[in-house]
Amino acid sequence: MSERPDNSRGGAEGQLSDVQSIASAVDAWFAREVLPLEAILMEYLHHNWRNTSDIKDLRQDVYIRVCEAARQKFPDRPKQFLFAIARNLLIDRVRRGNVVPIEAAADLDALEVAADAPGPERTIIARDELRQLQAALDRLPPRCREVVMLRRVEGLSRSEIAHRMGVTEGTVSQHLEHGIRALVDILYGEPPTVRRKP
């Protein structure tokens, strides 16, 4: 794994700035290196996990673990790192069995644990991020924007999108890849990296 750049500053303001800088760098790295691998990650999870209703949650858990690790160091080989985390997560899930006794659920109700509702500052940040995303989407070419919206927002498969738009699945894949890369460039202001062979 490669080291993150050290932007150490003094005081609380410097620490907050460092945290924001790290989060921004991780977000940019994730969007550039990991998001383009989502299709093959989903295929891997579908192939290796029986309960299809868990697949989207598994994907999110993989992404969380990847981001947490990237906050410490960026992996040298993101694709291999992503699939190692996915494999380990599946092994952990099998070991735990995901079985919660009914008594434990009853105990949680008795504890009256508060729901994890986002605070007002998180709501404001989320709204700002949504505005930025909408502005970035508006800058995409119309066909790319349509494919990205159908795939990422509506959750349609590539074949469904191809049928709806009257194009081939290859064209859908090209529009999707171009759209995601353009969004990364617009949102993070970094030029697209040279595409590596898997």
C-alpha atoms as a PDB file:
ATOM      1  CA  MET A   1       0.000   0.000   0.000  1.00  0.00           C
ATOM      2  CA  SER A   2       1.210   3.479  -0.716  1.00  0.00           C
ATOM      3  CA  GLU A   3       1.345   6.117   1.976  1.00  0.00           C
ATOM      4  CA  ARG A   4      -1.068   9.031   2.074  1.00  0.00           C
ATOM      5  CA  PRO A   5       0.518  12.459   1.836  1.00  0.00           C
ATOM      6  CA  ASP A   6       1.251  13.951   5.257  1.00  0.00           C
ATOM      7  CA  ASN A   7      -0.391  17.359   5.621  1.00  0.00           C
ATOM      8  CA  SER A   8       0.306  17.888   9.303  1.00  0.00           C
ATOM      9  CA  ARG A   9      -0.546  21.301  10.726  1.00  0.00           C
ATOM     10  CA  GLY A  10      -0.773  22.595  14.223  1.00  0.00           C
ATOM     11  CA  GLY A  11      -3.907  23.135  16.308  1.00  0.00           C
ATOM     12  CA  ALA A  12      -7.501  21.998  16.086  1.00  0.00           C
ATOM     13  CA  GLU A  13      -8.093  23.904  12.848  1.00  0.00           C
ATOM     14  CA  GLY A  14      -5.142  22.145  11.230  1.00  0.00           C
ATOM     15  CA  GLN A  15      -6.383  18.771  12.441  1.00  0.00           C
ATOM     16  CA  LEU A  16      -9.865  19.420  11.024  1.00  0.00           C
ATOM     17  CA  SER A  17      -8.316  20.508   7.738  1.00  0.00           C
ATOM     18  CA  ASP A  18      -6.152  17.346   7.701  1.00  0.00           C
ATOM     19  CA  VAL A  19      -9.212  15.147   8.290  1.00  0.00           C
ATOM     20  CA  GLN A  20     -11.109  16.900   5.492  1.00  0.00           C
ATOM     21  CA  SER A  21      -8.109  16.633   3.179  1.00  0.00           C
ATOM     22  CA  ILE A  22      -7.746  12.911   3.901  1.00  0.00           C
ATOM     23  CA  ALA A  23     -11.477  12.336   3.385  1.00  0.00           C
ATOM     24  CA  SER A  24     -11.371  14.237   0.095  1.00  0.00           C
ATOM     25  CA  ALA A  25      -8.336  12.266  -1.104  1.00  0.00           C
ATOM     26  CA  VAL A  26      -9.981   8.970  -0.127  1.00  0.00           C
ATOM     27  CA  ASP A  27     -13.218   9.980  -1.884  1.00  0.00           C
ATOM     28  CA  ALA A  28     -11.334  10.863  -5.065  1.00  0.00           C
ATOM     29  CA  TRP A  29      -9.278   7.661  -4.942  1.00  0.00           C
ATOM     30  CA  PHE A  30     -12.415   5.572  -4.303  1.00  0.00           C
ATOM     31  CA  ALA A  31     -14.332   7.143  -7.183  1.00  0.00           C
ATOM     32  CA  ARG A  32     -11.368   6.779  -9.549  1.00  0.00           C
ATOM     33  CA  GLU A  33     -10.108   3.299  -8.591  1.00  0.00           C
ATOM     34  CA  VAL A  34     -12.949   1.369  -6.929  1.00  0.00           C
ATOM     35  CA  LEU A  35     -16.264   2.526  -8.421  1.00  0.00           C
ATOM     36  CA  PRO A  36     -15.336   1.420 -11.967  1.00  0.00           C
ATOM     37  CA  LEU A  37     -14.926  -2.121 -10.529  1.00  0.00           C
ATOM     38  CA  GLU A  38     -18.499  -2.250  -9.197  1.00  0.00           C
ATOM     39  CA  ALA A  39     -19.887  -4.415 -12.025  1.00  0.00           C
ATOM     40  CA  ILE A  40     -17.336  -7.182 -11.508  1.00  0.00           C
ATOM     41  CA  LEU A  41     -17.638  -6.881  -7.726  1.00  0.00           C
ATOM     42  CA  MET A  42     -21.404  -7.376  -7.979  1.00  0.00           C
ATOM     43  CA  GLU A  43     -20.892 -10.360 -10.280  1.00  0.00           C
ATOM     44  CA  TYR A  44     -18.442 -11.844  -7.751  1.00  0.00           C
ATOM     45  CA  LEU A  45     -20.886 -11.326  -4.865  1.00  0.00           C
ATOM     46  CA  HIS A  46     -23.802 -12.818  -6.842  1.00  0.00           C
ATOM     47  CA  HIS A  47     -21.664 -15.822  -7.719  1.00  0.00           C
ATOM     48  CA  ASN A  48     -20.452 -16.416  -4.162  1.00  0.00           C
ATOM     49  CA  TRP A  49     -23.469 -15.537  -1.992  1.00  0.00           C
ATOM     50  CA  ARG A  50     -26.777 -17.394  -2.121  1.00  0.00           C
ATOM     51  CA  ASN A  51     -29.111 -14.802  -0.644  1.00  0.00           C
ATOM     52  CA  THR A  52     -29.457 -12.181  -3.373  1.00  0.00           C
ATOM     53  CA  SER A  53     -31.275  -9.811  -1.009  1.00  0.00           C
ATOM     54  CA  ASP A  54     -27.980  -9.392   0.903  1.00  0.00           C
ATOM     55  CA  ILE A  55     -25.882  -8.453  -2.134  1.00  0.00           C
ATOM     56  CA  LYS A  56     -26.312  -4.659  -1.974  1.00  0.00           C
ATOM     57  CA  ASP A  57     -25.591  -4.665   1.779  1.00  0.00           C
ATOM     58  CA  LEU A  58     -22.500  -6.783   1.192  1.00  0.00           C
ATOM     59  CA  ARG A  59     -21.324  -4.323  -1.475  1.00  0.00           C
ATOM     60  CA  GLN A  60     -21.724  -1.429   0.966  1.00  0.00           C
ATOM     61  CA  ASP A  61     -19.859  -3.333   3.694  1.00  0.00           C
ATOM     62  CA  VAL A  62     -17.016  -4.002   1.257  1.00  0.00           C
ATOM     63  CA  TYR A  63     -16.905  -0.306   0.313  1.00  0.00           C
ATOM     64  CA  ILE A  64     -16.839   0.732   3.985  1.00  0.00           C
ATOM     65  CA  ARG A  65     -13.923  -1.582   4.724  1.00  0.00           C
ATOM     66  CA  VAL A  66     -12.056  -0.402   1.627  1.00  0.00           C
ATOM     67  CA  CYS A  67     -12.489   3.264   2.600  1.00  0.00           C
ATOM     68  CA  GLU A  68     -11.484   2.652   6.211  1.00  0.00           C
ATOM     69  CA  ALA A  69      -8.308   0.923   5.063  1.00  0.00           C
ATOM     70  CA  ALA A  70      -7.600   3.640   2.476  1.00  0.00           C
ATOM     71  CA  ARG A  71      -7.690   6.277   5.214  1.00  0.00           C
ATOM     72  CA  GLN A  72      -4.531   4.656   6.586  1.00  0.00           C
ATOM     73  CA  LYS A  73      -2.801   3.817   3.281  1.00  0.00           C
ATOM     74  CA  PHE A  74      -3.861   3.581  -0.336  1.00  0.00           C
ATOM     75  CA  PRO A  75      -3.450   0.041  -1.671  1.00  0.00           C
ATOM     76  CA  ASP A  76      -0.954  -0.443  -4.494  1.00  0.00           C
ATOM     77  CA  ARG A  77      -3.318  -2.811  -6.330  1.00  0.00           C
ATOM     78  CA  PRO A  78      -6.893  -1.608  -5.730  1.00  0.00           C
ATOM     79  CA  LYS A  79      -8.599  -4.405  -7.680  1.00  0.00           C
ATOM     80  CA  GLN A  80      -6.855  -7.212  -5.775  1.00  0.00           C
ATOM     81  CA  PHE A  81      -7.396  -5.329  -2.510  1.00  0.00           C
ATOM     82  CA  LEU A  82     -11.125  -4.907  -3.199  1.00  0.00           C
ATOM     83  CA  PHE A  83     -11.621  -8.603  -3.909  1.00  0.00           C
ATOM     84  CA  ALA A  84      -9.538  -9.679  -0.914  1.00  0.00           C
ATOM     85  CA  ILE A  85     -11.826  -7.572   1.292  1.00  0.00           C
ATOM     86  CA  ALA A  86     -14.938  -8.984  -0.412  1.00  0.00           C
ATOM     87  CA  ARG A  87     -13.672 -12.542   0.097  1.00  0.00           C
ATOM     88  CA  ASN A  88     -12.846 -11.909   3.765  1.00  0.00           C
ATOM     89  CA  LEU A  89     -16.245 -10.310   4.339  1.00  0.00           C
ATOM     90  CA  LEU A  90     -18.024 -13.334   2.867  1.00  0.00           C
ATOM     91  CA  ILE A  91     -15.950 -15.640   5.068  1.00  0.00           C
ATOM     92  CA  ASP A  92     -16.820 -13.530   8.142  1.00  0.00           C
ATOM     93  CA  ARG A  93     -20.530 -13.650   7.243  1.00  0.00           C
ATOM     94  CA  VAL A  94     -20.423 -17.436   6.868  1.00  0.00           C
ATOM     95  CA  ARG A  95     -18.623 -17.828  10.197  1.00  0.00           C
ATOM     96  CA  ARG A  96     -21.084 -15.624  12.063  1.00  0.00           C
ATOM     97  CA  GLY A  97     -24.067 -17.194  10.369  1.00  0.00           C
ATOM     98  CA  ASN A  98     -25.931 -13.871  10.721  1.00  0.00           C
ATOM     99  CA  VAL A  99     -28.277 -15.447  13.257  1.00  0.00           C
ATOM    100  CA  VAL A 100     -29.615 -13.180  15.992  1.00  0.00           C
ATOM    101  CA  PRO A 101     -31.502 -14.949  18.783  1.00  0.00           C
ATOM    102  CA  ILE A 102     -35.021 -13.678  19.412  1.00  0.00           C
ATOM    103  CA  GLU A 103     -34.064 -12.977  23.030  1.00  0.00           C
ATOM    104  CA  ALA A 104     -31.334 -10.582  21.874  1.00  0.00           C
ATOM    105  CA  ALA A 105     -33.824  -8.643  19.749  1.00  0.00           C
ATOM    106  CA  ALA A 106     -36.178  -8.377  22.723  1.00  0.00           C
ATOM    107  CA  ASP A 107     -33.294  -7.099  24.877  1.00  0.00           C
ATOM    108  CA  LEU A 108     -32.562  -4.358  22.336  1.00  0.00           C
ATOM    109  CA  ASP A 109     -36.156  -3.128  22.612  1.00  0.00           C
ATOM    110  CA  ALA A 110     -35.864  -3.084  26.399  1.00  0.00           C
ATOM    111  CA  LEU A 111     -32.730  -0.938  26.217  1.00  0.00           C
ATOM    112  CA  GLU A 112     -34.613   1.724  24.203  1.00  0.00           C
ATOM    113  CA  VAL A 113     -31.546   2.417  22.097  1.00  0.00           C
ATOM    114  CA  ALA A 114     -31.936   5.642  20.128  1.00  0.00           C
ATOM    115  CA  ALA A 115     -32.012   5.399  16.358  1.00  0.00           C
ATOM    116  CA  ASP A 116     -28.919   6.540  14.485  1.00  0.00           C
ATOM    117  CA  ALA A 117     -30.534   9.614  12.958  1.00  0.00           C
ATOM    118  CA  PRO A 118     -28.167  12.031  11.220  1.00  0.00           C
ATOM    119  CA  GLY A 119     -27.582  15.338  12.954  1.00  0.00           C
ATOM    120  CA  PRO A 120     -28.402  18.686  11.364  1.00  0.00           C
ATOM    121  CA  GLU A 121     -24.811  19.252  10.214  1.00  0.00           C
ATOM    122  CA  ARG A 122     -24.769  15.893   8.408  1.00  0.00           C
ATOM    123  CA  THR A 123     -28.097  16.754   6.751  1.00  0.00           C
ATOM    124  CA  ILE A 124     -26.700  20.069   5.487  1.00  0.00           C
ATOM    125  CA  ILE A 125     -23.544  18.365   4.184  1.00  0.00           C
ATOM    126  CA  ALA A 126     -25.639  15.681   2.452  1.00  0.00           C
ATOM    127  CA  ARG A 127     -27.841  18.304   0.769  1.00  0.00           C
ATOM    128  CA  ASP A 128     -24.761  20.189  -0.423  1.00  0.00           C
ATOM    129  CA  GLU A 129     -23.267  16.964  -1.808  1.00  0.00           C
ATOM    130  CA  LEU A 130     -26.536  16.246  -3.627  1.00  0.00           C
ATOM    131  CA  ARG A 131     -26.515  19.726  -5.184  1.00  0.00           C
ATOM    132  CA  GLN A 132     -22.924  19.205  -6.334  1.00  0.00           C
ATOM    133  CA  LEU A 133     -23.806  15.807  -7.781  1.00  0.00           C
ATOM    134  CA  GLN A 134     -26.826  17.235  -9.622  1.00  0.00           C
ATOM    135  CA  ALA A 135     -24.695  20.016 -11.084  1.00  0.00           C
ATOM    136  CA  ALA A 136     -22.109  17.438 -12.205  1.00  0.00           C
ATOM    137  CA  LEU A 137     -24.815  15.242 -13.755  1.00  0.00           C
ATOM    138  CA  ASP A 138     -26.182  18.264 -15.627  1.00  0.00           C
ATOM    139  CA  ARG A 139     -22.750  18.750 -17.229  1.00  0.00           C
ATOM    140  CA  LEU A 140     -22.664  15.222 -18.707  1.00  0.00           C
ATOM    141  CA  PRO A 141     -23.602  14.595 -22.331  1.00  0.00           C
ATOM    142  CA  PRO A 142     -27.311  13.675 -22.505  1.00  0.00           C
ATOM    143  CA  ARG A 143     -26.835   9.970 -23.403  1.00  0.00           C
ATOM    144  CA  CYS A 144     -24.194   9.452 -20.690  1.00  0.00           C
ATOM    145  CA  ARG A 145     -26.396  11.204 -18.136  1.00  0.00           C
ATOM    146  CA  GLU A 146     -29.370   9.017 -19.099  1.00  0.00           C
ATOM    147  CA  VAL A 147     -27.338   5.791 -18.785  1.00  0.00           C
ATOM    148  CA  VAL A 148     -25.828   6.829 -15.438  1.00  0.00           C
ATOM    149  CA  MET A 149     -29.269   7.750 -14.066  1.00  0.00           C
ATOM    150  CA  LEU A 150     -30.888   4.527 -15.286  1.00  0.00           C
ATOM    151  CA  ARG A 151     -28.078   2.371 -13.895  1.00  0.00           C
ATOM    152  CA  ARG A 152     -27.144   4.129 -10.636  1.00  0.00           C
ATOM    153  CA  VAL A 153     -30.429   5.730  -9.625  1.00  0.00           C
ATOM    154  CA  GLU A 154     -33.092   3.442 -11.052  1.00  0.00           C
ATOM    155  CA  GLY A 155     -30.961   0.309 -10.707  1.00  0.00           C
ATOM    156  CA  LEU A 156     -31.691  -1.075 -14.170  1.00  0.00           C
ATOM    157  CA  SER A 157     -29.403  -3.738 -15.612  1.00  0.00           C
ATOM    158  CA  ARG A 158     -27.303  -2.987 -18.660  1.00  0.00           C
ATOM    159  CA  SER A 159     -29.536  -5.159 -20.824  1.00  0.00           C
ATOM    160  CA  GLU A 160     -32.650  -3.320 -19.580  1.00  0.00           C
ATOM    161  CA  ILE A 161     -31.010   0.033 -20.329  1.00  0.00           C
ATOM    162  CA  ALA A 162     -29.943  -1.166 -23.789  1.00  0.00           C
ATOM    163  CA  HIS A 163     -33.497  -2.303 -24.532  1.00  0.00           C
ATOM    164  CA  ARG A 164     -35.029   0.937 -23.243  1.00  0.00           C
ATOM    165  CA  MET A 165     -32.604   3.161 -25.186  1.00  0.00           C
ATOM    166  CA  GLY A 166     -32.487   1.005 -28.322  1.00  0.00           C
ATOM    167  CA  VAL A 167     -28.704   0.517 -28.224  1.00  0.00           C
ATOM    168  CA  THR A 168     -26.346  -2.398 -27.600  1.00  0.00           C
ATOM    169  CA  GLU A 169     -25.117  -3.396 -24.143  1.00  0.00           C
ATOM    170  CA  GLY A 170     -21.599  -2.475 -25.288  1.00  0.00           C
ATOM    171  CA  THR A 171     -22.771   1.060 -26.018  1.00  0.00           C
ATOM    172  CA  VAL A 172     -24.418   1.201 -22.588  1.00  0.00           C
ATOM    173  CA  SER A 173     -21.148   0.068 -20.973  1.00  0.00           C
ATOM    174  CA  GLN A 174     -19.198   2.726 -22.886  1.00  0.00           C
ATOM    175  CA  HIS A 175     -21.643   5.481 -21.892  1.00  0.00           C
ATOM    176  CA  LEU A 176     -21.600   4.295 -18.264  1.00  0.00           C
ATOM    177  CA  GLU A 177     -17.807   4.184 -18.061  1.00  0.00           C
ATOM    178  CA  HIS A 178     -17.460   7.580 -19.786  1.00  0.00           C
ATOM    179  CA  GLY A 179     -20.163   9.088 -17.551  1.00  0.00           C
ATOM    180  CA  ILE A 180     -18.615   7.831 -14.298  1.00  0.00           C
ATOM    181  CA  ARG A 181     -15.132   8.954 -15.288  1.00  0.00           C
ATOM    182  CA  ALA A 182     -16.492  12.365 -16.304  1.00  0.00           C
ATOM    183  CA  LEU A 183     -18.333  12.675 -12.966  1.00  0.00           C
ATOM    184  CA  VAL A 184     -15.131  11.858 -11.083  1.00  0.00           C
ATOM    185  CA  ASP A 185     -13.279  14.486 -13.094  1.00  0.00           C
ATOM    186  CA  ILE A 186     -16.007  17.090 -12.545  1.00  0.00           C
ATOM    187  CA  LEU A 187     -16.467  16.399  -8.828  1.00  0.00           C
ATOM    188  CA  TYR A 188     -12.839  15.966  -7.857  1.00  0.00           C
ATOM    189  CA  GLY A 189     -11.095  18.074 -10.490  1.00  0.00           C
ATOM    190  CA  GLU A 190      -8.535  15.410 -11.225  1.00  0.00           C
ATOM    191  CA  PRO A 191      -7.702  14.322 -14.763  1.00  0.00           C
ATOM    192  CA  PRO A 192      -8.658  10.726 -15.567  1.00  0.00           C
ATOM    193  CA  THR A 193      -5.865   8.254 -14.943  1.00  0.00           C
ATOM    194  CA  VAL A 194      -4.426   6.020 -17.627  1.00  0.00           C
ATOM    195  CA  ARG A 195      -6.595   2.933 -17.770  1.00  0.00           C
ATOM    196  CA  ARG A 196      -4.825  -0.173 -16.465  1.00  0.00           C
ATOM    197  CA  LYS A 197      -5.493  -3.632 -17.789  1.00  0.00           C
ATOM    198  CA  PRO A 198      -7.124  -5.930 -15.183  1.00  0.00           C
END
